[in-house]
Protein backbone atom coordinates (compact mmCIF):
# COMPACT_ATOMS: atom_id res chain seq x y z
CA MET A 1 44.01 3.73 3.50
CA THR A 2 42.59 6.85 1.82
CA THR A 3 41.53 4.64 -1.89
CA ARG A 4 39.90 2.31 0.32
CA LEU A 5 38.33 4.94 2.42
CA ASN A 6 37.12 6.30 -1.08
CA PHE A 7 35.77 3.38 -2.55
CA VAL A 8 33.63 3.11 0.16
CA GLN A 9 32.30 6.39 -0.16
CA GLU A 10 31.73 5.35 -3.69
CA LYS A 11 29.56 2.47 -2.52
CA MET A 12 27.42 4.13 -0.26
CA ARG A 13 26.63 6.74 -2.66
CA TYR A 14 26.11 4.72 -5.97
CA PHE A 15 23.99 2.13 -3.49
CA THR A 16 22.51 5.73 -1.58
CA THR A 17 21.64 6.52 -6.16
CA GLU A 18 19.79 2.81 -6.88
CA LEU A 19 18.42 2.34 -3.87
CA LEU A 20 16.47 6.58 -4.21
CA VAL A 21 16.09 5.55 -7.76
CA SER A 22 14.01 2.73 -6.65
CA MET A 23 11.92 4.31 -4.17
CA GLU A 24 11.38 6.68 -7.15
CA GLU A 25 10.32 3.92 -9.45
CA ALA A 26 8.00 2.24 -6.84
CA ARG A 27 5.95 5.16 -5.35
CA PRO A 28 3.15 4.80 -7.92
CA ILE A 29 3.06 0.39 -7.66
CA LEU A 30 2.78 1.90 -3.48
CA ALA A 31 0.35 4.41 -5.21
CA ARG A 32 -2.58 1.79 -6.92
CA ILE A 33 -2.21 -1.23 -4.19
CA GLN A 34 -3.88 1.47 -2.03
CA GLU A 35 -5.53 3.13 -4.42
CA ARG A 36 -7.19 -0.43 -4.92
CA SER A 37 -6.78 -1.42 -0.93
CA SER A 38 -8.98 1.85 -0.48
CA GLN A 39 -11.35 0.40 -2.97
CA THR A 40 -11.87 -2.79 -2.04
CA PHE A 41 -12.16 -0.95 1.33
CA ALA A 42 -15.28 0.65 0.73
CA ASN A 43 -16.56 -2.22 -1.55
CA SER A 44 -16.52 -4.74 1.37
CA THR A 45 -18.05 -1.74 4.14
CA SER A 46 -21.07 -1.27 1.49
CA VAL A 47 -21.81 -4.93 1.20
CA LEU A 48 -20.36 -5.72 5.02
CA THR A 49 -23.54 -2.89 5.27
CA ALA A 50 -26.77 -4.63 2.49
CA PHE A 51 -26.10 -7.35 4.44
CA SER A 52 -27.05 -6.05 8.14
CA MET A 53 -29.73 -4.11 6.23
CA SER A 54 -30.78 -7.12 5.13
CA CYS A 55 -30.42 -10.10 8.37
CA ARG A 56 -32.71 -7.06 10.13
CA LEU A 57 -35.33 -6.09 7.76
CA THR A 58 -35.41 -10.60 7.56
CA HIS A 59 -35.47 -10.81 11.23
CA SER A 60 -37.40 -7.84 12.36
CA SER A 61 -40.33 -8.71 9.67
CA GLY A 62 -41.29 -11.47 11.48
CA GLU A 63 -41.88 -10.29 15.27
């Protein structure tokens, strides 16, 4: 029973270590994704604002 328990504990330590290493490796990738998402949001906001202003100018000049 002790041998089986030691085996399970060793496997749990191994998988925990692997998971932590994977998370550390993923951190820069996640940071780049977040940065791109922020840039995309900012660009979209700028385009939508410009479009809205353009529509407002176009429709207000005829009145």
